[in-house]
N, C-alpha and C. Protein backbone atom coordinates (compact mmCIF):
# COMPACT_ATOMS: atom_id res chain seq x y z
N MET A 1 -6.02 42.08 -39.57
CA MET A 1 -5.79 43.39 -40.11
C MET A 1 -6.85 44.33 -39.54
N GLY A 2 -6.46 45.37 -38.86
CA GLY A 2 -7.40 46.29 -38.23
C GLY A 2 -7.66 47.51 -39.08
N CYS A 3 -8.78 48.10 -38.84
CA CYS A 3 -9.16 49.32 -39.54
C CYS A 3 -8.57 50.52 -38.80
N ALA A 4 -7.98 51.43 -39.52
CA ALA A 4 -7.35 52.59 -38.89
C ALA A 4 -8.36 53.51 -38.24
N ASN A 5 -9.56 53.59 -38.81
CA ASN A 5 -10.58 54.49 -38.29
C ASN A 5 -11.64 53.68 -37.55
N THR A 6 -11.36 53.30 -36.31
CA THR A 6 -12.30 52.49 -35.55
C THR A 6 -13.43 53.32 -34.95
N LYS A 7 -13.26 54.63 -34.88
CA LYS A 7 -14.30 55.48 -34.30
C LYS A 7 -15.59 55.43 -35.12
N ASN A 8 -15.47 55.43 -36.44
CA ASN A 8 -16.63 55.40 -37.31
C ASN A 8 -16.85 54.03 -37.94
N ASN A 9 -16.11 53.03 -37.46
CA ASN A 9 -16.24 51.69 -38.01
C ASN A 9 -17.56 51.09 -37.54
N GLU A 10 -18.41 50.69 -38.49
CA GLU A 10 -19.73 50.17 -38.16
C GLU A 10 -19.64 48.90 -37.31
N ARG A 11 -18.58 48.14 -37.47
CA ARG A 11 -18.43 46.90 -36.72
C ARG A 11 -17.85 47.11 -35.33
N GLY A 12 -17.44 48.32 -35.02
CA GLY A 12 -16.86 48.61 -33.72
C GLY A 12 -17.91 48.52 -32.61
N LEU A 13 -17.43 48.52 -31.41
CA LEU A 13 -18.33 48.46 -30.26
C LEU A 13 -18.96 49.82 -29.99
N LEU A 14 -20.16 49.79 -29.46
CA LEU A 14 -20.80 51.02 -29.03
C LEU A 14 -20.12 51.52 -27.76
N PRO A 15 -19.96 52.82 -27.61
CA PRO A 15 -19.38 53.35 -26.38
C PRO A 15 -20.27 53.02 -25.17
N TYR A 16 -19.65 52.70 -24.07
CA TYR A 16 -20.39 52.30 -22.86
C TYR A 16 -21.37 53.37 -22.40
N PRO A 17 -21.02 54.67 -22.43
CA PRO A 17 -22.00 55.69 -22.02
C PRO A 17 -23.26 55.70 -22.88
N ILE A 18 -23.13 55.37 -24.16
CA ILE A 18 -24.30 55.28 -25.05
C ILE A 18 -25.19 54.13 -24.61
N ILE A 19 -24.59 53.01 -24.29
CA ILE A 19 -25.35 51.84 -23.84
C ILE A 19 -26.09 52.17 -22.54
N LEU A 20 -25.39 52.81 -21.61
CA LEU A 20 -26.03 53.19 -20.34
C LEU A 20 -27.20 54.14 -20.56
N ALA A 21 -27.00 55.13 -21.42
CA ALA A 21 -28.06 56.10 -21.67
C ALA A 21 -29.25 55.44 -22.35
N ALA A 22 -29.00 54.56 -23.30
CA ALA A 22 -30.09 53.86 -23.98
C ALA A 22 -30.84 52.96 -23.02
N ASN A 23 -30.11 52.35 -22.10
CA ASN A 23 -30.73 51.49 -21.10
C ASN A 23 -31.65 52.28 -20.18
N LYS A 24 -31.32 53.56 -19.96
CA LYS A 24 -32.16 54.42 -19.12
C LYS A 24 -33.32 55.02 -19.90
N GLY A 25 -33.37 54.77 -21.22
CA GLY A 25 -34.50 55.22 -22.02
C GLY A 25 -34.30 56.54 -22.74
N GLU A 26 -33.08 57.03 -22.83
CA GLU A 26 -32.85 58.30 -23.53
C GLU A 26 -33.01 58.09 -25.04
N PRO A 27 -33.89 58.86 -25.67
CA PRO A 27 -34.21 58.63 -27.09
C PRO A 27 -33.02 58.78 -28.04
N GLU A 28 -32.16 59.77 -27.81
CA GLU A 28 -31.02 59.98 -28.72
C GLU A 28 -30.04 58.81 -28.64
N ALA A 29 -29.82 58.29 -27.45
CA ALA A 29 -28.92 57.15 -27.29
C ALA A 29 -29.53 55.90 -27.95
N MET A 30 -30.84 55.73 -27.80
CA MET A 30 -31.50 54.58 -28.42
C MET A 30 -31.40 54.69 -29.94
N LYS A 31 -31.50 55.91 -30.45
CA LYS A 31 -31.37 56.13 -31.89
C LYS A 31 -29.99 55.71 -32.38
N VAL A 32 -28.95 56.02 -31.59
CA VAL A 32 -27.59 55.63 -31.94
C VAL A 32 -27.46 54.11 -31.97
N VAL A 33 -28.05 53.44 -31.00
CA VAL A 33 -28.00 51.98 -30.94
C VAL A 33 -28.70 51.38 -32.16
N VAL A 34 -29.88 51.87 -32.48
CA VAL A 34 -30.63 51.34 -33.63
C VAL A 34 -29.88 51.61 -34.94
N LEU A 35 -29.29 52.79 -35.08
CA LEU A 35 -28.50 53.09 -36.27
C LEU A 35 -27.27 52.20 -36.38
N HIS A 36 -26.66 51.90 -35.24
CA HIS A 36 -25.47 51.05 -35.22
C HIS A 36 -25.78 49.67 -35.77
N TYR A 37 -26.93 49.13 -35.42
CA TYR A 37 -27.31 47.79 -35.86
C TYR A 37 -28.21 47.80 -37.09
N GLY A 38 -28.44 48.97 -37.69
CA GLY A 38 -29.36 49.10 -38.81
C GLY A 38 -29.03 48.22 -40.00
N SER A 39 -27.78 48.19 -40.43
CA SER A 39 -27.44 47.39 -41.61
C SER A 39 -27.56 45.90 -41.32
N TYR A 40 -27.26 45.49 -40.10
CA TYR A 40 -27.40 44.08 -39.72
C TYR A 40 -28.88 43.69 -39.71
N ILE A 41 -29.72 44.55 -39.15
CA ILE A 41 -31.16 44.30 -39.12
C ILE A 41 -31.70 44.23 -40.55
N THR A 42 -31.24 45.11 -41.42
CA THR A 42 -31.69 45.09 -42.81
C THR A 42 -31.28 43.79 -43.50
N SER A 43 -30.05 43.34 -43.26
CA SER A 43 -29.62 42.10 -43.90
C SER A 43 -30.42 40.90 -43.39
N LEU A 44 -30.80 40.92 -42.11
CA LEU A 44 -31.63 39.84 -41.57
C LEU A 44 -33.05 39.89 -42.12
N SER A 45 -33.47 41.04 -42.61
CA SER A 45 -34.83 41.23 -43.09
C SER A 45 -35.00 40.95 -44.58
N MET A 46 -33.94 40.58 -45.27
CA MET A 46 -34.02 40.30 -46.70
C MET A 46 -34.79 39.02 -46.96
N ARG A 47 -35.72 39.10 -47.90
CA ARG A 47 -36.57 37.95 -48.26
C ARG A 47 -36.79 37.96 -49.77
N LYS A 48 -37.15 36.79 -50.29
CA LYS A 48 -37.60 36.72 -51.67
C LYS A 48 -39.04 37.21 -51.70
N LEU A 49 -39.29 38.24 -52.48
CA LEU A 49 -40.62 38.83 -52.58
C LEU A 49 -41.12 38.70 -54.01
N ARG A 50 -42.39 38.89 -54.19
CA ARG A 50 -42.99 38.85 -55.53
C ARG A 50 -43.69 40.18 -55.81
N ASP A 51 -43.56 40.63 -57.05
CA ASP A 51 -44.28 41.83 -57.45
C ASP A 51 -45.65 41.45 -58.00
N GLU A 52 -46.39 42.45 -58.48
CA GLU A 52 -47.76 42.20 -58.94
C GLU A 52 -47.82 41.33 -60.20
N TYR A 53 -46.69 41.16 -60.89
CA TYR A 53 -46.65 40.33 -62.09
C TYR A 53 -46.14 38.92 -61.81
N GLY A 54 -45.84 38.63 -60.55
CA GLY A 54 -45.35 37.31 -60.18
C GLY A 54 -43.85 37.14 -60.27
N ASN A 55 -43.14 38.23 -60.57
CA ASN A 55 -41.67 38.17 -60.63
C ASN A 55 -41.10 38.11 -59.22
N THR A 56 -40.08 37.31 -59.05
CA THR A 56 -39.44 37.16 -57.75
C THR A 56 -38.21 38.05 -57.67
N PHE A 57 -38.02 38.70 -56.53
CA PHE A 57 -36.85 39.56 -56.33
C PHE A 57 -36.51 39.58 -54.83
N TRP A 58 -35.27 39.94 -54.54
CA TRP A 58 -34.84 40.08 -53.15
C TRP A 58 -35.16 41.49 -52.68
N GLY A 59 -35.78 41.59 -51.52
CA GLY A 59 -36.12 42.89 -50.97
C GLY A 59 -36.23 42.82 -49.45
N VAL A 60 -36.39 43.97 -48.85
CA VAL A 60 -36.49 44.05 -47.39
C VAL A 60 -37.94 43.85 -46.98
N ASP A 61 -38.15 42.90 -46.09
CA ASP A 61 -39.48 42.68 -45.51
C ASP A 61 -39.63 43.71 -44.38
N GLU A 62 -40.43 44.73 -44.63
CA GLU A 62 -40.57 45.84 -43.68
C GLU A 62 -41.12 45.38 -42.33
N ASP A 63 -42.03 44.42 -42.34
CA ASP A 63 -42.59 43.91 -41.10
C ASP A 63 -41.51 43.25 -40.24
N THR A 64 -40.67 42.44 -40.88
CA THR A 64 -39.57 41.78 -40.16
C THR A 64 -38.60 42.82 -39.62
N ARG A 65 -38.27 43.83 -40.43
CA ARG A 65 -37.33 44.86 -39.99
C ARG A 65 -37.89 45.63 -38.79
N ASP A 66 -39.16 45.98 -38.84
CA ASP A 66 -39.78 46.68 -37.71
C ASP A 66 -39.79 45.83 -36.45
N ARG A 67 -40.07 44.54 -36.61
CA ARG A 67 -40.08 43.65 -35.44
C ARG A 67 -38.69 43.51 -34.83
N LEU A 68 -37.66 43.41 -35.69
CA LEU A 68 -36.30 43.30 -35.17
C LEU A 68 -35.87 44.57 -34.46
N ARG A 69 -36.22 45.73 -35.01
CA ARG A 69 -35.91 47.01 -34.34
C ARG A 69 -36.59 47.08 -32.97
N SER A 70 -37.86 46.70 -32.93
CA SER A 70 -38.59 46.73 -31.66
C SER A 70 -37.97 45.80 -30.64
N LYS A 71 -37.60 44.61 -31.08
CA LYS A 71 -36.99 43.63 -30.17
C LYS A 71 -35.64 44.15 -29.65
N LEU A 72 -34.87 44.80 -30.52
CA LEU A 72 -33.60 45.39 -30.09
C LEU A 72 -33.84 46.44 -29.02
N MET A 73 -34.80 47.33 -29.24
CA MET A 73 -35.07 48.38 -28.26
C MET A 73 -35.57 47.81 -26.94
N GLN A 74 -36.43 46.81 -26.99
CA GLN A 74 -36.90 46.15 -25.77
C GLN A 74 -35.75 45.51 -25.03
N SER A 75 -34.86 44.85 -25.76
CA SER A 75 -33.74 44.17 -25.12
C SER A 75 -32.77 45.15 -24.46
N VAL A 76 -32.56 46.30 -25.10
CA VAL A 76 -31.69 47.31 -24.52
C VAL A 76 -32.28 47.85 -23.22
N LEU A 77 -33.59 48.06 -23.20
CA LEU A 77 -34.24 48.61 -22.02
C LEU A 77 -34.25 47.67 -20.83
N VAL A 78 -34.32 46.37 -21.07
CA VAL A 78 -34.36 45.40 -19.96
C VAL A 78 -32.99 44.82 -19.63
N PHE A 79 -31.95 45.24 -20.36
CA PHE A 79 -30.60 44.75 -20.13
C PHE A 79 -30.14 45.12 -18.73
N LYS A 80 -29.63 44.15 -17.99
CA LYS A 80 -29.13 44.38 -16.64
C LYS A 80 -27.66 44.83 -16.70
N ILE A 81 -27.44 46.06 -16.27
CA ILE A 81 -26.08 46.60 -16.26
C ILE A 81 -25.49 46.41 -14.88
N LEU A 82 -24.31 45.84 -14.85
CA LEU A 82 -23.66 45.56 -13.56
C LEU A 82 -23.00 46.75 -12.95
């Protein structure tokens, strides 16, 4: 079953010109790439955390999220485009 609105579908593919521009280091294109994968990066960054009272809760590990964003940007920049 397909989604009727694939243009704004988060699971859709990034347009090729955006990928090319991000690969060349254009900041706006890189921002689009990071936003596209933002929810996936956030879900990968979820961890059991503890508050100051020792209570356990699920939350986003900011360090992990920042590292994943950085790795994504590095990978886009070194990606070999044919």
